N, C-alpha and C. Protein backbone atom coordinates (compact mmCIF):
# COMPACT_ATOMS: atom_id res chain seq x y z
N UNK A 1 0.84 -1.18 0.00
CA UNK A 1 0.00 0.00 0.00
C UNK A 1 0.88 1.24 0.00
N UNK A 2 0.43 2.29 -0.65
CA UNK A 2 1.16 3.54 -0.70
C UNK A 2 0.57 4.52 0.31
N UNK A 3 1.45 5.26 0.94
CA UNK A 3 1.06 6.28 1.89
C UNK A 3 1.68 7.60 1.46
N UNK A 4 0.87 8.63 1.46
CA UNK A 4 1.42 9.95 1.10
C UNK A 4 1.46 10.83 2.35
N UNK A 5 2.32 11.83 2.28
CA UNK A 5 2.45 12.74 3.40
C UNK A 5 2.72 14.14 2.89
N UNK A 6 2.52 15.10 3.77
CA UNK A 6 2.77 16.50 3.49
C UNK A 6 3.78 17.01 4.51
N UNK A 7 4.59 17.98 4.11
CA UNK A 7 5.51 18.61 5.04
C UNK A 7 4.89 19.93 5.48
N UNK A 8 4.73 20.09 6.78
CA UNK A 8 4.22 21.34 7.35
C UNK A 8 5.36 22.01 8.10
N UNK A 9 5.63 23.25 7.75
CA UNK A 9 6.62 24.05 8.47
C UNK A 9 5.90 24.80 9.59
N UNK A 10 6.14 24.40 10.83
CA UNK A 10 5.46 25.05 11.95
C UNK A 10 6.35 26.11 12.59
N UNK A 11 5.69 27.01 13.28
CA UNK A 11 6.33 28.15 13.96
C UNK A 11 6.98 29.11 12.97
N UNK A 12 6.36 29.27 11.80
CA UNK A 12 6.86 30.21 10.81
C UNK A 12 5.72 30.58 9.87
N UNK A 13 5.89 31.66 9.15
CA UNK A 13 4.93 32.05 8.12
C UNK A 13 5.50 31.90 6.73
N UNK A 14 6.71 31.34 6.64
CA UNK A 14 7.38 31.20 5.35
C UNK A 14 7.78 29.75 5.11
N UNK A 15 7.62 29.29 3.88
CA UNK A 15 8.09 27.94 3.54
C UNK A 15 9.60 27.83 3.75
N UNK A 16 10.04 26.65 4.10
CA UNK A 16 11.46 26.33 4.29
C UNK A 16 12.08 27.05 5.48
N UNK A 17 11.25 27.47 6.43
CA UNK A 17 11.70 28.04 7.69
C UNK A 17 10.97 27.28 8.80
N UNK A 18 11.31 27.52 10.02
CA UNK A 18 10.60 26.87 11.11
C UNK A 18 10.99 25.41 11.26
N UNK A 19 10.07 24.61 11.76
CA UNK A 19 10.30 23.19 12.03
C UNK A 19 9.50 22.37 11.01
N UNK A 20 10.17 21.66 10.09
CA UNK A 20 9.44 20.86 9.12
C UNK A 20 9.00 19.52 9.72
N UNK A 21 7.71 19.24 9.63
CA UNK A 21 7.17 17.98 10.15
C UNK A 21 6.39 17.25 9.06
N UNK A 22 6.75 16.01 8.76
CA UNK A 22 5.95 15.20 7.84
C UNK A 22 4.63 14.81 8.52
N UNK A 23 3.52 14.94 7.78
CA UNK A 23 2.20 14.58 8.30
C UNK A 23 1.57 13.57 7.35
N UNK A 24 1.34 12.37 7.83
CA UNK A 24 0.63 11.34 7.07
C UNK A 24 -0.85 11.48 7.38
N UNK A 25 -1.66 11.76 6.37
CA UNK A 25 -3.08 12.04 6.60
C UNK A 25 -3.93 10.78 6.70
N UNK A 26 -3.39 9.65 6.28
CA UNK A 26 -4.13 8.39 6.41
C UNK A 26 -3.15 7.28 6.73
N UNK A 27 -2.93 7.07 8.00
CA UNK A 27 -1.99 6.03 8.44
C UNK A 27 -2.71 4.74 8.79
N UNK A 28 -3.94 4.60 8.31
CA UNK A 28 -4.71 3.39 8.57
C UNK A 28 -3.92 2.17 8.10
N UNK A 29 -3.81 1.19 8.96
CA UNK A 29 -3.12 -0.04 8.60
C UNK A 29 -1.65 -0.06 8.97
N UNK A 30 -1.09 1.08 9.33
CA UNK A 30 0.32 1.10 9.74
C UNK A 30 0.44 0.69 11.21
N UNK A 31 1.35 -0.20 11.49
CA UNK A 31 1.63 -0.58 12.86
C UNK A 31 2.56 0.46 13.48
N UNK A 32 2.65 0.45 14.79
CA UNK A 32 3.59 1.35 15.47
C UNK A 32 5.01 1.08 15.00
N UNK A 33 5.33 -0.19 14.81
CA UNK A 33 6.67 -0.55 14.34
C UNK A 33 6.96 0.07 12.98
N UNK A 34 5.99 0.00 12.07
CA UNK A 34 6.16 0.57 10.74
C UNK A 34 6.23 2.10 10.80
N UNK A 35 5.42 2.72 11.66
CA UNK A 35 5.48 4.18 11.83
C UNK A 35 6.87 4.60 12.31
N UNK A 36 7.42 3.85 13.24
CA UNK A 36 8.76 4.15 13.75
C UNK A 36 9.81 3.99 12.64
N UNK A 37 9.67 2.98 11.81
CA UNK A 37 10.60 2.80 10.69
C UNK A 37 10.51 3.96 9.71
N UNK A 38 9.30 4.39 9.42
CA UNK A 38 9.10 5.51 8.50
C UNK A 38 9.71 6.79 9.10
N UNK A 39 9.44 7.03 10.38
CA UNK A 39 9.98 8.22 11.05
C UNK A 39 11.51 8.19 11.02
N UNK A 40 12.09 7.04 11.22
CA UNK A 40 13.54 6.93 11.16
C UNK A 40 14.07 7.24 9.78
N UNK A 41 13.37 6.78 8.77
CA UNK A 41 13.78 7.03 7.38
C UNK A 41 13.67 8.51 7.03
N UNK A 42 12.61 9.17 7.47
CA UNK A 42 12.41 10.59 7.15
C UNK A 42 13.32 11.50 7.96
N UNK A 43 13.74 11.04 9.14
CA UNK A 43 14.74 11.73 9.94
C UNK A 43 14.35 13.16 10.33
N UNK A 44 13.06 13.42 10.51
CA UNK A 44 12.60 14.73 10.99
C UNK A 44 12.58 14.70 12.52
N UNK A 45 12.42 15.86 13.14
CA UNK A 45 12.36 15.86 14.61
C UNK A 45 11.18 15.02 15.09
N UNK A 46 10.04 15.13 14.42
CA UNK A 46 8.87 14.29 14.65
C UNK A 46 8.20 14.01 13.32
N UNK A 47 7.58 12.85 13.22
CA UNK A 47 6.75 12.51 12.07
C UNK A 47 5.36 12.23 12.63
N UNK A 48 4.34 12.84 12.00
CA UNK A 48 2.97 12.79 12.51
C UNK A 48 2.14 11.81 11.67
N UNK A 49 1.37 10.97 12.34
CA UNK A 49 0.50 10.01 11.68
C UNK A 49 -0.93 10.23 12.15
N UNK A 50 -1.84 10.41 11.21
CA UNK A 50 -3.26 10.60 11.52
C UNK A 50 -4.04 9.37 11.07
N UNK A 51 -4.94 8.92 11.94
CA UNK A 51 -5.79 7.77 11.64
C UNK A 51 -7.23 8.21 11.82
N UNK A 52 -8.00 8.15 10.73
CA UNK A 52 -9.38 8.65 10.76
C UNK A 52 -10.31 7.60 11.34
N UNK A 53 -11.17 8.03 12.27
CA UNK A 53 -12.22 7.18 12.83
C UNK A 53 -13.56 7.70 12.32
N UNK A 54 -14.13 6.99 11.38
CA UNK A 54 -15.37 7.46 10.74
C UNK A 54 -16.53 7.59 11.72
N UNK A 55 -16.63 6.68 12.68
CA UNK A 55 -17.74 6.72 13.64
C UNK A 55 -17.74 8.00 14.46
N UNK A 56 -16.56 8.51 14.79
CA UNK A 56 -16.45 9.71 15.62
C UNK A 56 -16.15 10.97 14.81
N UNK A 57 -15.86 10.82 13.52
CA UNK A 57 -15.41 11.93 12.68
C UNK A 57 -14.22 12.64 13.30
N UNK A 58 -13.32 11.86 13.85
CA UNK A 58 -12.11 12.41 14.44
C UNK A 58 -10.88 11.69 13.90
N UNK A 59 -9.77 12.36 13.99
CA UNK A 59 -8.49 11.75 13.69
C UNK A 59 -7.75 11.52 15.00
N UNK A 60 -7.27 10.31 15.20
CA UNK A 60 -6.34 10.11 16.30
C UNK A 60 -4.96 10.47 15.75
N UNK A 61 -4.08 10.90 16.63
CA UNK A 61 -2.77 11.39 16.19
C UNK A 61 -1.68 10.66 16.96
N UNK A 62 -0.64 10.29 16.24
CA UNK A 62 0.54 9.69 16.84
C UNK A 62 1.75 10.44 16.31
N UNK A 63 2.76 10.56 17.14
CA UNK A 63 3.99 11.23 16.73
C UNK A 63 5.18 10.35 17.10
N UNK A 64 6.14 10.27 16.17
CA UNK A 64 7.34 9.48 16.39
C UNK A 64 8.57 10.31 16.06
N UNK A 65 9.57 10.21 16.93
CA UNK A 65 10.89 10.70 16.56
C UNK A 65 11.54 9.56 15.79
N UNK A 66 12.77 9.71 15.42
CA UNK A 66 13.42 8.60 14.70
C UNK A 66 13.78 7.45 15.65
N UNK A 67 13.56 7.65 16.96
CA UNK A 67 13.92 6.63 17.95
C UNK A 67 12.74 5.98 18.66
N UNK A 68 11.63 6.75 18.83
CA UNK A 68 10.53 6.24 19.63
C UNK A 68 9.25 7.05 19.41
N UNK A 69 8.13 6.50 19.90
CA UNK A 69 6.90 7.28 19.92
C UNK A 69 7.05 8.38 20.97
N UNK A 70 6.60 9.58 20.66
CA UNK A 70 6.75 10.72 21.55
C UNK A 70 5.39 11.30 21.91
N UNK A 71 5.37 12.07 22.99
CA UNK A 71 4.14 12.75 23.41
C UNK A 71 3.73 13.76 22.34
N UNK A 72 2.43 13.98 22.25
CA UNK A 72 1.90 14.94 21.29
C UNK A 72 2.13 16.34 21.85
N UNK A 73 2.90 17.13 21.13
CA UNK A 73 3.17 18.51 21.52
C UNK A 73 2.43 19.49 20.64
N UNK A 74 2.56 20.76 20.97
CA UNK A 74 1.85 21.79 20.21
C UNK A 74 2.29 21.81 18.75
N UNK A 75 3.55 21.55 18.47
CA UNK A 75 4.00 21.58 17.08
C UNK A 75 3.36 20.46 16.27
N UNK A 76 3.11 19.30 16.89
CA UNK A 76 2.44 18.20 16.20
C UNK A 76 0.99 18.55 15.87
N UNK A 77 0.31 19.16 16.83
CA UNK A 77 -1.09 19.56 16.61
C UNK A 77 -1.17 20.66 15.56
N UNK A 78 -0.25 21.63 15.61
CA UNK A 78 -0.23 22.69 14.60
C UNK A 78 -0.01 22.12 13.20
N UNK A 79 0.94 21.23 13.07
CA UNK A 79 1.22 20.65 11.75
C UNK A 79 0.03 19.87 11.22
N UNK A 80 -0.54 19.02 12.04
CA UNK A 80 -1.69 18.22 11.61
C UNK A 80 -2.89 19.10 11.27
N UNK A 81 -3.14 20.11 12.10
CA UNK A 81 -4.26 21.02 11.87
C UNK A 81 -4.08 21.80 10.57
N UNK A 82 -2.88 22.28 10.35
CA UNK A 82 -2.60 23.03 9.12
C UNK A 82 -2.86 22.17 7.88
N UNK A 83 -2.35 20.96 7.90
CA UNK A 83 -2.54 20.08 6.74
C UNK A 83 -4.02 19.78 6.54
N UNK A 84 -4.73 19.43 7.60
CA UNK A 84 -6.16 19.12 7.46
C UNK A 84 -6.96 20.32 6.98
N UNK A 85 -6.63 21.51 7.46
CA UNK A 85 -7.38 22.71 7.10
C UNK A 85 -7.08 23.18 5.68
N UNK A 86 -5.86 22.99 5.21
CA UNK A 86 -5.46 23.56 3.93
C UNK A 86 -5.38 22.58 2.78
N UNK A 87 -5.33 21.32 3.07
CA UNK A 87 -5.19 20.34 2.00
C UNK A 87 -6.35 19.35 2.07
N UNK A 88 -7.40 19.74 2.74
CA UNK A 88 -8.53 18.86 2.99
C UNK A 88 -9.12 18.19 1.78
N UNK A 89 -9.24 18.90 0.66
CA UNK A 89 -9.89 18.32 -0.51
C UNK A 89 -9.10 17.16 -1.10
N UNK A 90 -7.83 17.03 -0.76
CA UNK A 90 -7.01 15.93 -1.26
C UNK A 90 -7.04 14.73 -0.33
N UNK A 91 -7.72 14.86 0.80
CA UNK A 91 -7.77 13.77 1.77
C UNK A 91 -9.09 13.02 1.59
N UNK A 92 -9.04 11.69 1.47
CA UNK A 92 -10.25 10.91 1.19
C UNK A 92 -11.44 11.20 2.11
N UNK A 93 -11.22 11.35 3.40
CA UNK A 93 -12.33 11.60 4.32
C UNK A 93 -13.05 12.90 3.99
N UNK A 94 -12.32 13.90 3.50
CA UNK A 94 -12.94 15.16 3.07
C UNK A 94 -13.59 15.00 1.70
N UNK A 95 -12.83 14.44 0.78
CA UNK A 95 -13.30 14.33 -0.61
C UNK A 95 -14.60 13.53 -0.70
N UNK A 96 -14.75 12.55 0.17
CA UNK A 96 -15.96 11.71 0.16
C UNK A 96 -17.04 12.26 1.08
N UNK A 97 -16.84 13.48 1.57
CA UNK A 97 -17.81 14.17 2.44
C UNK A 97 -18.13 13.38 3.70
N UNK A 98 -17.18 12.57 4.14
CA UNK A 98 -17.37 11.82 5.37
C UNK A 98 -17.19 12.75 6.57
N UNK A 99 -16.27 13.67 6.44
CA UNK A 99 -15.89 14.50 7.58
C UNK A 99 -15.87 15.97 7.19
N UNK A 100 -16.98 16.67 7.41
CA UNK A 100 -17.06 18.08 7.05
C UNK A 100 -16.36 18.97 8.07
N UNK A 101 -16.34 18.56 9.32
CA UNK A 101 -15.73 19.34 10.40
C UNK A 101 -14.78 18.43 11.19
N UNK A 102 -13.58 18.27 10.70
CA UNK A 102 -12.67 17.31 11.33
C UNK A 102 -12.21 17.74 12.72
N UNK A 103 -11.86 16.75 13.50
CA UNK A 103 -11.32 16.98 14.83
C UNK A 103 -10.12 16.08 15.01
N UNK A 104 -9.17 16.53 15.83
CA UNK A 104 -8.02 15.73 16.19
C UNK A 104 -8.16 15.39 17.67
N UNK A 105 -8.06 14.10 17.98
CA UNK A 105 -8.17 13.67 19.36
C UNK A 105 -6.80 13.24 19.88
N UNK A 106 -6.41 13.83 21.00
CA UNK A 106 -5.14 13.50 21.65
C UNK A 106 -5.46 13.04 23.06
N UNK A 107 -5.66 11.77 23.24
CA UNK A 107 -6.02 11.27 24.58
C UNK A 107 -7.36 11.83 25.00
N UNK A 108 -7.36 12.73 25.97
CA UNK A 108 -8.62 13.28 26.49
C UNK A 108 -9.01 14.60 25.84
N UNK A 109 -8.16 15.18 25.01
CA UNK A 109 -8.44 16.46 24.38
C UNK A 109 -8.87 16.28 22.93
N UNK A 110 -9.84 17.10 22.52
CA UNK A 110 -10.31 17.09 21.13
C UNK A 110 -10.19 18.51 20.59
N UNK A 111 -9.55 18.64 19.44
CA UNK A 111 -9.34 19.95 18.80
C UNK A 111 -10.13 19.98 17.50
N UNK A 112 -11.02 20.97 17.34
CA UNK A 112 -11.75 21.15 16.11
C UNK A 112 -10.90 21.90 15.08
N UNK A 113 -11.05 21.54 13.82
CA UNK A 113 -10.30 22.15 12.74
C UNK A 113 -11.25 22.97 11.88
N UNK A 114 -10.92 24.23 11.67
CA UNK A 114 -11.70 25.10 10.80
C UNK A 114 -11.03 25.16 9.43
N UNK A 115 -11.76 24.78 8.40
CA UNK A 115 -11.23 24.86 7.05
C UNK A 115 -11.50 26.25 6.50
N UNK A 116 -10.61 26.69 5.66
CA UNK A 116 -10.96 27.94 5.06
C UNK A 116 -9.85 28.73 4.61
């Protein structure tokens, strides 16, 4: 299976500045082991994986450094939110009108994403 990702530069208003984070918008089917391998290959400070839950219309989020799974920080949420808000029409859950108002769930917190 092929997986695509986007690079989000967080903490900046200009491309190629800030902190570049790869964001996988559909990591369905990837094991934690495979996510860790991918993160190691990409060699970014963190690599973000989103898994869509159709029943809840939410994305769960996982973040990996090249060595281990890491806690979800503000930069991970910013990167994932930016990609979902700005590239939504290219993501199957949006394109198929499954998820008009996406949310990211991080444990007990849920963040709504405004497209536009």
